[in-house]
Amino acid sequence: MKKGFYNILKANFLISSDAVKNWRFIVFCTLLAIVMIASSHSAERKVHTIAKLNNEVREMRSEFVDVRSALMKLKMESTLTAKMAARGVKPSETPPSKITIKIKD
């Protein structure tokens, strides 16, 4: 057991007669590790992009609600009468009357 452990530490498996088989496996494991690292980086990049887009959606939703409430406030009759009073236009005192036209056959 001691001799096998020392052989591993001295890397005898890389310089022995059947080392080509070992080198192929080591190169395969290295390439596999590189692919795994690249895949995890790509996944993390996508997660960060999704989080950023979710934040933008939240901000735009809150901006939409703010603008919609401001529009509702501007459309109110009291706001319109106050703005038009500054220009000298005031609401009518008498309600509008319906005009009917009779068509003769």
PDB file of N, CA and C in Angstrom:
ATOM      1  N   MET A   1       0.823  -1.183   0.000  1.00  0.00           N
ATOM      2  CA  MET A   1       0.000   0.000   0.000  1.00  0.00           C
ATOM      3  C   MET A   1       0.867   1.246   0.000  1.00  0.00           C
ATOM      4  N   LYS A   2       1.932   1.214   0.812  1.00  0.00           N
ATOM      5  CA  LYS A   2       2.825   2.354   0.891  1.00  0.00           C
ATOM      6  C   LYS A   2       3.501   2.593  -0.457  1.00  0.00           C
ATOM      7  N   LYS A   3       3.897   1.494  -1.112  1.00  0.00           N
ATOM      8  CA  LYS A   3       4.576   1.601  -2.404  1.00  0.00           C
ATOM      9  C   LYS A   3       3.637   2.176  -3.466  1.00  0.00           C
ATOM     10  N   GLY A   4       2.352   1.757  -3.454  1.00  0.00           N
ATOM     11  CA  GLY A   4       1.368   2.277  -4.408  1.00  0.00           C
ATOM     12  C   GLY A   4       1.114   3.758  -4.202  1.00  0.00           C
ATOM     13  N   PHE A   5       1.079   4.203  -2.955  1.00  0.00           N
ATOM     14  CA  PHE A   5       0.855   5.616  -2.656  1.00  0.00           C
ATOM     15  C   PHE A   5       2.034   6.458  -3.133  1.00  0.00           C
ATOM     16  N   TYR A   6       3.266   5.949  -2.905  1.00  0.00           N
ATOM     17  CA  TYR A   6       4.466   6.670  -3.362  1.00  0.00           C
ATOM     18  C   TYR A   6       4.522   6.721  -4.884  1.00  0.00           C
ATOM     19  N   ASN A   7       4.063   5.682  -5.551  1.00  0.00           N
ATOM     20  CA  ASN A   7       4.040   5.683  -7.022  1.00  0.00           C
ATOM     21  C   ASN A   7       3.079   6.753  -7.547  1.00  0.00           C
ATOM     22  N   ILE A   8       1.976   6.924  -6.859  1.00  0.00           N
ATOM     23  CA  ILE A   8       1.036   7.972  -7.269  1.00  0.00           C
ATOM     24  C   ILE A   8       1.652   9.341  -7.039  1.00  0.00           C
ATOM     25  N   LEU A   9       2.305   9.544  -5.900  1.00  0.00           N
ATOM     26  CA  LEU A   9       2.932  10.836  -5.614  1.00  0.00           C
ATOM     27  C   LEU A   9       4.074  11.145  -6.575  1.00  0.00           C
ATOM     28  N   LYS A  10       4.823  10.120  -6.968  1.00  0.00           N
ATOM     29  CA  LYS A  10       5.930  10.321  -7.908  1.00  0.00           C
ATOM     30  C   LYS A  10       5.448  10.400  -9.357  1.00  0.00           C
ATOM     31  N   ALA A  11       4.161  10.155  -9.587  1.00  0.00           N
ATOM     32  CA  ALA A  11       3.539  10.202 -10.916  1.00  0.00           C
ATOM     33  C   ALA A  11       4.120   9.145 -11.839  1.00  0.00           C
ATOM     34  N   ASN A  12       4.363   7.973 -11.315  1.00  0.00           N
ATOM     35  CA  ASN A  12       4.840   6.869 -12.145  1.00  0.00           C
ATOM     36  C   ASN A  12       3.800   6.432 -13.166  1.00  0.00           C
ATOM     37  N   PHE A  13       2.535   6.675 -12.893  1.00  0.00           N
ATOM     38  CA  PHE A  13       1.494   6.284 -13.842  1.00  0.00           C
ATOM     39  C   PHE A  13       1.539   7.123 -15.112  1.00  0.00           C
ATOM     40  N   LEU A  14       2.257   8.257 -15.078  1.00  0.00           N
ATOM     41  CA  LEU A  14       2.365   9.102 -16.269  1.00  0.00           C
ATOM     42  C   LEU A  14       3.573   8.749 -17.133  1.00  0.00           C
ATOM     43  N   ILE A  15       4.549   8.055 -16.563  1.00  0.00           N
ATOM     44  CA  ILE A  15       5.757   7.739 -17.326  1.00  0.00           C
ATOM     45  C   ILE A  15       5.955   6.244 -17.533  1.00  0.00           C
ATOM     46  N   SER A  16       5.001   5.435 -17.125  1.00  0.00           N
ATOM     47  CA  SER A  16       5.129   3.990 -17.297  1.00  0.00           C
ATOM     48  C   SER A  16       4.859   3.605 -18.746  1.00  0.00           C
ATOM     49  N   SER A  17       4.951   2.299 -19.042  1.00  0.00           N
ATOM     50  CA  SER A  17       4.810   1.827 -20.422  1.00  0.00           C
ATOM     51  C   SER A  17       3.389   2.017 -20.959  1.00  0.00           C
ATOM     52  N   ASP A  18       2.383   1.923 -20.136  1.00  0.00           N
ATOM     53  CA  ASP A  18       1.004   2.130 -20.598  1.00  0.00           C
ATOM     54  C   ASP A  18       0.489   3.529 -20.256  1.00  0.00           C
ATOM     55  N   ALA A  19       1.378   4.507 -20.307  1.00  0.00           N
ATOM     56  CA  ALA A  19       1.042   5.885 -19.932  1.00  0.00           C
ATOM     57  C   ALA A  19       0.139   6.560 -20.952  1.00  0.00           C
ATOM     58  N   VAL A  20       0.143   6.106 -22.199  1.00  0.00           N
ATOM     59  CA  VAL A  20      -0.693   6.741 -23.226  1.00  0.00           C
ATOM     60  C   VAL A  20      -2.163   6.642 -22.836  1.00  0.00           C
ATOM     61  N   LYS A  21      -2.546   5.486 -22.312  1.00  0.00           N
ATOM     62  CA  LYS A  21      -3.926   5.300 -21.876  1.00  0.00           C
ATOM     63  C   LYS A  21      -4.260   6.270 -20.735  1.00  0.00           C
ATOM     64  N   ASN A  22      -3.353   6.446 -19.825  1.00  0.00           N
ATOM     65  CA  ASN A  22      -3.561   7.368 -18.694  1.00  0.00           C
ATOM     66  C   ASN A  22      -3.622   8.814 -19.170  1.00  0.00           C
ATOM     67  N   TRP A  23      -2.766   9.192 -20.098  1.00  0.00           N
ATOM     68  CA  TRP A  23      -2.759  10.561 -20.599  1.00  0.00           C
ATOM     69  C   TRP A  23      -4.070  10.880 -21.313  1.00  0.00           C
ATOM     70  N   ARG A  24      -4.571   9.913 -22.077  1.00  0.00           N
ATOM     71  CA  ARG A  24      -5.846  10.143 -22.760  1.00  0.00           C
ATOM     72  C   ARG A  24      -6.955  10.417 -21.748  1.00  0.00           C
ATOM     73  N   PHE A  25      -6.992   9.626 -20.684  1.00  0.00           N
ATOM     74  CA  PHE A  25      -8.016   9.811 -19.656  1.00  0.00           C
ATOM     75  C   PHE A  25      -7.854  11.160 -18.965  1.00  0.00           C
ATOM     76  N   ILE A  26      -6.622  11.563 -18.684  1.00  0.00           N
ATOM     77  CA  ILE A  26      -6.374  12.856 -18.023  1.00  0.00           C
ATOM     78  C   ILE A  26      -6.800  14.008 -18.922  1.00  0.00           C
ATOM     79  N   VAL A  27      -6.480  13.920 -20.200  1.00  0.00           N
ATOM     80  CA  VAL A  27      -6.880  14.976 -21.144  1.00  0.00           C
ATOM     81  C   VAL A  27      -8.407  15.017 -21.252  1.00  0.00           C
ATOM     82  N   PHE A  28      -9.044  13.850 -21.298  1.00  0.00           N
ATOM     83  CA  PHE A  28     -10.506  13.797 -21.352  1.00  0.00           C
ATOM     84  C   PHE A  28     -11.125  14.444 -20.119  1.00  0.00           C
ATOM     85  N   CYS A  29     -10.597  14.124 -18.949  1.00  0.00           N
ATOM     86  CA  CYS A  29     -11.118  14.717 -17.704  1.00  0.00           C
ATOM     87  C   CYS A  29     -10.912  16.223 -17.679  1.00  0.00           C
ATOM     88  N   THR A  30      -9.769  16.678 -18.182  1.00  0.00           N
ATOM     89  CA  THR A  30      -9.496  18.116 -18.228  1.00  0.00           C
ATOM     90  C   THR A  30     -10.483  18.827 -19.153  1.00  0.00           C
ATOM     91  N   LEU A  31     -10.702  18.263 -20.338  1.00  0.00           N
ATOM     92  CA  LEU A  31     -11.661  18.871 -21.265  1.00  0.00           C
ATOM     93  C   LEU A  31     -13.077  18.867 -20.692  1.00  0.00           C
ATOM     94  N   LEU A  32     -13.428  17.786 -20.026  1.00  0.00           N
ATOM     95  CA  LEU A  32     -14.741  17.710 -19.395  1.00  0.00           C
ATOM     96  C   LEU A  32     -14.897  18.779 -18.315  1.00  0.00           C
ATOM     97  N   ALA A  33     -13.857  19.004 -17.531  1.00  0.00           N
ATOM     98  CA  ALA A  33     -13.895  20.042 -16.492  1.00  0.00           C
ATOM     99  C   ALA A  33     -14.036  21.426 -17.112  1.00  0.00           C
ATOM    100  N   ILE A  34     -13.328  21.674 -18.215  1.00  0.00           N
ATOM    101  CA  ILE A  34     -13.419  22.978 -18.893  1.00  0.00           C
ATOM    102  C   ILE A  34     -14.835  23.211 -19.412  1.00  0.00           C
ATOM    103  N   VAL A  35     -15.441  22.163 -19.987  1.00  0.00           N
ATOM    104  CA  VAL A  35     -16.816  22.301 -20.489  1.00  0.00           C
ATOM    105  C   VAL A  35     -17.783  22.568 -19.335  1.00  0.00           C
ATOM    106  N   MET A  36     -17.596  21.883 -18.223  1.00  0.00           N
ATOM    107  CA  MET A  36     -18.467  22.115 -17.059  1.00  0.00           C
ATOM    108  C   MET A  36     -18.331  23.536 -16.538  1.00  0.00           C
ATOM    109  N   ILE A  37     -17.117  24.043 -16.461  1.00  0.00           N
ATOM    110  CA  ILE A  37     -16.900  25.411 -15.972  1.00  0.00           C
ATOM    111  C   ILE A  37     -17.538  26.422 -16.916  1.00  0.00           C
ATOM    112  N   ALA A  38     -17.360  26.218 -18.223  1.00  0.00           N
ATOM    113  CA  ALA A  38     -17.957  27.134 -19.200  1.00  0.00           C
ATOM    114  C   ALA A  38     -19.476  27.098 -19.119  1.00  0.00           C
ATOM    115  N   SER A  39     -20.035  25.923 -18.932  1.00  0.00           N
ATOM    116  CA  SER A  39     -21.488  25.784 -18.830  1.00  0.00           C
ATOM    117  C   SER A  39     -22.022  26.498 -17.592  1.00  0.00           C
ATOM    118  N   SER A  40     -21.336  26.351 -16.473  1.00  0.00           N
ATOM    119  CA  SER A  40     -21.805  27.020 -15.246  1.00  0.00           C
ATOM    120  C   SER A  40     -21.696  28.535 -15.363  1.00  0.00           C
ATOM    121  N   HIS A  41     -20.634  29.029 -16.022  1.00  0.00           N
ATOM    122  CA  HIS A  41     -20.510  30.479 -16.226  1.00  0.00           C
ATOM    123  C   HIS A  41     -21.639  30.989 -17.109  1.00  0.00           C
ATOM    124  N   SER A  42     -21.967  30.236 -18.138  1.00  0.00           N
ATOM    125  CA  SER A  42     -23.060  30.635 -19.027  1.00  0.00           C
ATOM    126  C   SER A  42     -24.389  30.668 -18.274  1.00  0.00           C
ATOM    127  N   ALA A  43     -24.628  29.667 -17.445  1.00  0.00           N
ATOM    128  CA  ALA A  43     -25.872  29.627 -16.671  1.00  0.00           C
ATOM    129  C   ALA A  43     -25.941  30.802 -15.695  1.00  0.00           C
ATOM    130  N   GLU A  44     -24.846  31.118 -15.031  1.00  0.00           N
ATOM    131  CA  GLU A  44     -24.837  32.254 -14.095  1.00  0.00           C
ATOM    132  C   GLU A  44     -25.068  33.568 -14.825  1.00  0.00           C
ATOM    133  N   ARG A  45     -24.502  33.697 -16.015  1.00  0.00           N
ATOM    134  CA  ARG A  45     -24.705  34.913 -16.804  1.00  0.00           C
ATOM    135  C   ARG A  45     -26.187  35.069 -17.133  1.00  0.00           C
ATOM    136  N   LYS A  46     -26.846  33.965 -17.488  1.00  0.00           N
ATOM    137  CA  LYS A  46     -28.272  34.027 -17.798  1.00  0.00           C
ATOM    138  C   LYS A  46     -29.093  34.376 -16.565  1.00  0.00           C
ATOM    139  N   VAL A  47     -28.726  33.836 -15.423  1.00  0.00           N
ATOM    140  CA  VAL A  47     -29.442  34.144 -14.179  1.00  0.00           C
ATOM    141  C   VAL A  47     -29.326  35.629 -13.855  1.00  0.00           C
ATOM    142  N   HIS A  48     -28.129  36.199 -14.018  1.00  0.00           N
ATOM    143  CA  HIS A  48     -27.946  37.630 -13.754  1.00  0.00           C
ATOM    144  C   HIS A  48     -28.753  38.475 -14.734  1.00  0.00           C
ATOM    145  N   THR A  49     -28.798  38.061 -16.000  1.00  0.00           N
ATOM    146  CA  THR A  49     -29.578  38.797 -16.990  1.00  0.00           C
ATOM    147  C   THR A  49     -31.061  38.757 -16.651  1.00  0.00           C
ATOM    148  N   ILE A  50     -31.547  37.595 -16.243  1.00  0.00           N
ATOM    149  CA  ILE A  50     -32.961  37.463 -15.875  1.00  0.00           C
ATOM    150  C   ILE A  50     -33.287  38.337 -14.664  1.00  0.00           C
ATOM    151  N   ALA A  51     -32.415  38.353 -13.678  1.00  0.00           N
ATOM    152  CA  ALA A  51     -32.645  39.187 -12.489  1.00  0.00           C
ATOM    153  C   ALA A  51     -32.675  40.669 -12.864  1.00  0.00           C
ATOM    154  N   LYS A  52     -31.772  41.069 -13.749  1.00  0.00           N
ATOM    155  CA  LYS A  52     -31.725  42.469 -14.186  1.00  0.00           C
ATOM    156  C   LYS A  52     -33.011  42.836 -14.926  1.00  0.00           C
ATOM    157  N   LEU A  53     -33.473  41.945 -15.810  1.00  0.00           N
ATOM    158  CA  LEU A  53     -34.702  42.216 -16.550  1.00  0.00           C
ATOM    159  C   LEU A  53     -35.921  42.243 -15.630  1.00  0.00           C
ATOM    160  N   ASN A  54     -35.950  41.394 -14.615  1.00  0.00           N
ATOM    161  CA  ASN A  54     -37.054  41.424 -13.647  1.00  0.00           C
ATOM    162  C   ASN A  54     -37.086  42.738 -12.889  1.00  0.00           C
ATOM    163  N   ASN A  55     -35.922  43.268 -12.529  1.00  0.00           N
ATOM    164  CA  ASN A  55     -35.870  44.571 -11.856  1.00  0.00           C
ATOM    165  C   ASN A  55     -36.387  45.670 -12.771  1.00  0.00           C
ATOM    166  N   GLU A  56     -36.011  45.615 -14.046  1.00  0.00           N
ATOM    167  CA  GLU A  56     -36.490  46.621 -14.994  1.00  0.00           C
ATOM    168  C   GLU A  56     -38.012  46.541 -15.143  1.00  0.00           C
ATOM    169  N   VAL A  57     -38.555  45.317 -15.178  1.00  0.00           N
ATOM    170  CA  VAL A  57     -40.002  45.152 -15.304  1.00  0.00           C
ATOM    171  C   VAL A  57     -40.701  45.742 -14.088  1.00  0.00           C
ATOM    172  N   ARG A  58     -40.175  45.500 -12.899  1.00  0.00           N
ATOM    173  CA  ARG A  58     -40.779  46.068 -11.680  1.00  0.00           C
ATOM    174  C   ARG A  58     -40.759  47.585 -11.721  1.00  0.00           C
ATOM    175  N   GLU A  59     -39.621  48.163 -12.141  1.00  0.00           N
ATOM    176  CA  GLU A  59     -39.520  49.620 -12.219  1.00  0.00           C
ATOM    177  C   GLU A  59     -40.516  50.178 -13.222  1.00  0.00           C
ATOM    178  N   MET A  60     -40.637  49.526 -14.382  1.00  0.00           N
ATOM    179  CA  MET A  60     -41.560  50.026 -15.406  1.00  0.00           C
ATOM    180  C   MET A  60     -43.011  49.876 -14.963  1.00  0.00           C
ATOM    181  N   ARG A  61     -43.320  48.814 -14.228  1.00  0.00           N
ATOM    182  CA  ARG A  61     -44.681  48.647 -13.710  1.00  0.00           C
ATOM    183  C   ARG A  61     -45.027  49.765 -12.731  1.00  0.00           C
ATOM    184  N   SER A  62     -44.091  50.064 -11.831  1.00  0.00           N
ATOM    185  CA  SER A  62     -44.366  51.129 -10.861  1.00  0.00           C
ATOM    186  C   SER A  62     -44.468  52.483 -11.562  1.00  0.00           C
ATOM    187  N   GLU A  63     -43.653  52.711 -12.585  1.00  0.00           N
ATOM    188  CA  GLU A  63     -43.747  53.957 -13.350  1.00  0.00           C
ATOM    189  C   GLU A  63     -45.096  54.032 -14.064  1.00  0.00           C
ATOM    190  N   PHE A  64     -45.553  52.906 -14.614  1.00  0.00           N
ATOM    191  CA  PHE A  64     -46.851  52.865 -15.284  1.00  0.00           C
ATOM    192  C   PHE A  64     -47.974  53.213 -14.317  1.00  0.00           C
ATOM    193  N   VAL A  65     -47.927  52.659 -13.122  1.00  0.00           N
ATOM    194  CA  VAL A  65     -48.968  52.943 -12.128  1.00  0.00           C
ATOM    195  C   VAL A  65     -48.941  54.413 -11.741  1.00  0.00           C
ATOM    196  N   ASP A  66     -47.733  54.978 -11.565  1.00  0.00           N
ATOM    197  CA  ASP A  66     -47.629  56.398 -11.218  1.00  0.00           C
ATOM    198  C   ASP A  66     -48.201  57.283 -12.316  1.00  0.00           C
ATOM    199  N   VAL A  67     -47.859  56.992 -13.554  1.00  0.00           N
ATOM    200  CA  VAL A  67     -48.336  57.805 -14.674  1.00  0.00           C
ATOM    201  C   VAL A  67     -49.842  57.653 -14.831  1.00  0.00           C
ATOM    202  N   ARG A  68     -50.351  56.426 -14.645  1.00  0.00           N
ATOM    203  CA  ARG A  68     -51.789  56.213 -14.772  1.00  0.00           C
ATOM    204  C   ARG A  68     -52.556  56.969 -13.692  1.00  0.00           C
ATOM    205  N   SER A  69     -52.041  56.976 -12.459  1.00  0.00           N
ATOM    206  CA  SER A  69     -52.735  57.714 -11.393  1.00  0.00           C
ATOM    207  C   SER A  69     -52.663  59.219 -11.643  1.00  0.00           C
ATOM    208  N   ALA A  70     -51.545  59.697 -12.182  1.00  0.00           N
ATOM    209  CA  ALA A  70     -51.449  61.122 -12.517  1.00  0.00           C
ATOM    210  C   ALA A  70     -52.441  61.485 -13.621  1.00  0.00           C
ATOM    211  N   LEU A  71     -52.597  60.599 -14.596  1.00  0.00           N
ATOM    212  CA  LEU A  71     -53.555  60.845 -15.675  1.00  0.00           C
ATOM    213  C   LEU A  71     -54.988  60.874 -15.144  1.00  0.00           C
ATOM    214  N   MET A  72     -55.302  59.953 -14.254  1.00  0.00           N
ATOM    215  CA  MET A  72     -56.640  59.944 -13.662  1.00  0.00           C
ATOM    216  C   MET A  72     -56.915  61.239 -12.910  1.00  0.00           C
ATOM    217  N   LYS A  73     -55.899  61.720 -12.211  1.00  0.00           N
ATOM    218  CA  LYS A  73     -56.054  62.969 -11.467  1.00  0.00           C
ATOM    219  C   LYS A  73     -56.269  64.136 -12.432  1.00  0.00           C
ATOM    220  N   LEU A  74     -55.556  64.138 -13.569  1.00  0.00           N
ATOM    221  CA  LEU A  74     -55.714  65.214 -14.548  1.00  0.00           C
ATOM    222  C   LEU A  74     -57.072  65.165 -15.243  1.00  0.00           C
ATOM    223  N   LYS A  75     -57.655  63.985 -15.389  1.00  0.00           N
ATOM    224  CA  LYS A  75     -58.934  63.840 -16.073  1.00  0.00           C
ATOM    225  C   LYS A  75     -60.128  64.188 -15.187  1.00  0.00           C
ATOM    226  N   MET A  76     -59.910  64.373 -13.903  1.00  0.00           N
ATOM    227  CA  MET A  76     -61.021  64.687 -13.000  1.00  0.00           C
ATOM    228  C   MET A  76     -61.614  66.059 -13.347  1.00  0.00           C
ATOM    229  N   GLU A  77     -62.931  66.174 -13.175  1.00  0.00           N
ATOM    230  CA  GLU A  77     -63.626  67.418 -13.537  1.00  0.00           C
ATOM    231  C   GLU A  77     -63.141  68.597 -12.712  1.00  0.00           C
ATOM    232  N   SER A  78     -62.854  68.360 -11.442  1.00  0.00           N
ATOM    233  CA  SER A  78     -62.409  69.466 -10.595  1.00  0.00           C
ATOM    234  C   SER A  78     -61.050  70.001 -11.062  1.00  0.00           C
ATOM    235  N   THR A  79     -60.176  69.124 -11.492  1.00  0.00           N
ATOM    236  CA  THR A  79     -58.873  69.567 -11.990  1.00  0.00           C
ATOM    237  C   THR A  79     -59.025  70.340 -13.285  1.00  0.00           C
ATOM    238  N   LEU A  80     -59.908  69.840 -14.159  1.00  0.00           N
ATOM    239  CA  LEU A  80     -60.130  70.539 -15.432  1.00  0.00           C
ATOM    240  C   LEU A  80     -60.738  71.922 -15.210  1.00  0.00           C
ATOM    241  N   THR A  81     -61.708  72.024 -14.314  1.00  0.00           N
ATOM    242  CA  THR A  81     -62.324  73.336 -14.074  1.00  0.00           C
ATOM    243  C   THR A  81     -61.312  74.310 -13.473  1.00  0.00           C
ATOM    244  N   ALA A  82     -60.430  73.823 -12.608  1.00  0.00           N
ATOM    245  CA  ALA A  82     -59.422  74.715 -12.018  1.00  0.00           C
ATOM    246  C   ALA A  82     -58.449  75.202 -13.077  1.00  0.00           C
ATOM    247  N   LYS A  83     -58.037  74.322 -13.986  1.00  0.00           N
ATOM    248  CA  LYS A  83     -57.092  74.734 -15.037  1.00  0.00           C
ATOM    249  C   LYS A  83     -57.745  75.686 -16.039  1.00  0.00           C
ATOM    250  N   MET A  84     -59.017  75.432 -16.358  1.00  0.00           N
ATOM    251  CA  MET A  84     -59.700  76.281 -17.323  1.00  0.00           C
ATOM    252  C   MET A  84     -60.108  77.623 -16.700  1.00  0.00           C
ATOM    253  N   ALA A  85     -60.304  77.657 -15.392  1.00  0.00           N
ATOM    254  CA  ALA A  85     -60.637  78.920 -14.722  1.00  0.00           C
ATOM    255  C   ALA A  85     -59.466  79.886 -14.825  1.00  0.00           C
ATOM    256  N   ALA A  86     -58.262  79.370 -14.845  1.00  0.00           N
ATOM    257  CA  ALA A  86     -57.098  80.242 -15.005  1.00  0.00           C
ATOM    258  C   ALA A  86     -57.102  80.906 -16.375  1.00  0.00           C
ATOM    259  N   ARG A  87     -57.739  80.287 -17.371  1.00  0.00           N
ATOM    260  CA  ARG A  87     -57.810  80.860 -18.717  1.00  0.00           C
ATOM    261  C   ARG A  87     -59.091  81.671 -18.926  1.00  0.00           C
ATOM    262  N   GLY A  88     -59.937  81.677 -17.933  1.00  0.00           N
ATOM    263  CA  GLY A  88     -61.169  82.464 -18.035  1.00  0.00           C
ATOM    264  C   GLY A  88     -62.363  81.652 -18.504  1.00  0.00           C
ATOM    265  N   VAL A  89     -62.241  80.359 -18.646  1.00  0.00           N
ATOM    266  CA  VAL A  89     -63.361  79.511 -19.067  1.00  0.00           C
ATOM    267  C   VAL A  89     -63.916  78.839 -17.823  1.00  0.00           C
ATOM    268  N   LYS A  90     -65.248  78.956 -17.669  1.00  0.00           N
ATOM    269  CA  LYS A  90     -65.868  78.334 -16.499  1.00  0.00           C
ATOM    270  C   LYS A  90     -66.976  77.400 -16.961  1.00  0.00           C
ATOM    271  N   PRO A  91     -67.362  76.447 -16.118  1.00  0.00           N
ATOM    272  CA  PRO A  91     -68.424  75.522 -16.517  1.00  0.00           C
ATOM    273  C   PRO A  91     -69.769  76.238 -16.634  1.00  0.00           C
ATOM    274  N   SER A  92     -70.619  75.691 -17.459  1.00  0.00           N
ATOM    275  CA  SER A  92     -71.940  76.284 -17.695  1.00  0.00           C
ATOM    276  C   SER A  92     -72.835  76.090 -16.478  1.00  0.00           C
ATOM    277  N   GLU A  93     -73.680  77.079 -16.223  1.00  0.00           N
ATOM    278  CA  GLU A  93     -74.603  77.005 -15.081  1.00  0.00           C
ATOM    279  C   GLU A  93     -75.842  76.188 -15.444  1.00  0.00           C
ATOM    280  N   THR A  94     -76.241  76.256 -16.707  1.00  0.00           N
ATOM    281  CA  THR A  94     -77.437  75.527 -17.143  1.00  0.00           C
ATOM    282  C   THR A  94     -77.004  74.234 -17.830  1.00  0.00           C
ATOM    283  N   PRO A  95     -77.729  73.174 -17.560  1.00  0.00           N
ATOM    284  CA  PRO A  95     -77.368  71.911 -18.212  1.00  0.00           C
ATOM    285  C   PRO A  95     -77.719  71.958 -19.698  1.00  0.00           C
ATOM    286  N   PRO A  96     -77.071  71.160 -20.498  1.00  0.00           N
ATOM    287  CA  PRO A  96     -77.378  71.152 -21.938  1.00  0.00           C
ATOM    288  C   PRO A  96     -78.765  70.558 -22.191  1.00  0.00           C
ATOM    289  N   SER A  97     -79.378  71.024 -23.239  1.00  0.00           N
ATOM    290  CA  SER A  97     -80.702  70.496 -23.582  1.00  0.00           C
ATOM    291  C   SER A  97     -80.588  69.685 -24.869  1.00  0.00           C
ATOM    292  N   LYS A  98     -81.455  68.692 -24.986  1.00  0.00           N
ATOM    293  CA  LYS A  98     -81.411  67.796 -26.129  1.00  0.00           C
ATOM    294  C   LYS A  98     -82.185  68.416 -27.280  1.00  0.00           C
ATOM    295  N   ILE A  99     -81.589  68.391 -28.453  1.00  0.00           N
ATOM    296  CA  ILE A  99     -82.242  68.916 -29.641  1.00  0.00           C
ATOM    297  C   ILE A  99     -82.746  67.729 -30.455  1.00  0.00           C
ATOM    298  N   THR A 100     -84.024  67.753 -30.769  1.00  0.00           N
ATOM    299  CA  THR A 100     -84.600  66.682 -31.577  1.00  0.00           C
ATOM    300  C   THR A 100     -85.043  67.256 -32.897  1.00  0.00           C
ATOM    301  N   ILE A 101     -84.810  66.542 -33.953  1.00  0.00           N
ATOM    302  CA  ILE A 101     -85.193  66.971 -35.289  1.00  0.00           C
ATOM    303  C   ILE A 101     -86.215  65.958 -35.824  1.00  0.00           C
ATOM    304  N   LYS A 102     -87.340  66.500 -36.260  1.00  0.00           N
ATOM    305  CA  LYS A 102     -88.377  65.655 -36.806  1.00  0.00           C
ATOM    306  C   LYS A 102     -88.260  65.679 -38.322  1.00  0.00           C
ATOM    307  N   ILE A 103     -88.162  64.497 -38.864  1.00  0.00           N
ATOM    308  CA  ILE A 103     -88.055  64.392 -40.331  1.00  0.00           C
ATOM    309  C   ILE A 103     -89.435  64.169 -40.904  1.00  0.00           C
ATOM    310  N   LYS A 104     -89.794  65.001 -41.898  1.00  0.00           N
ATOM    311  CA  LYS A 104     -91.093  64.855 -42.531  1.00  0.00           C
ATOM    312  C   LYS A 104     -90.948  63.899 -43.707  1.00  0.00           C
ATOM    313  N   ASP A 105     -91.870  62.977 -43.788  1.00  0.00           N
ATOM    314  CA  ASP A 105     -91.829  62.023 -44.892  1.00  0.00           C
ATOM    315  C   ASP A 105     -92.515  62.529 -46.102  1.00  0.00           C
TER     316      ASP A 105
END
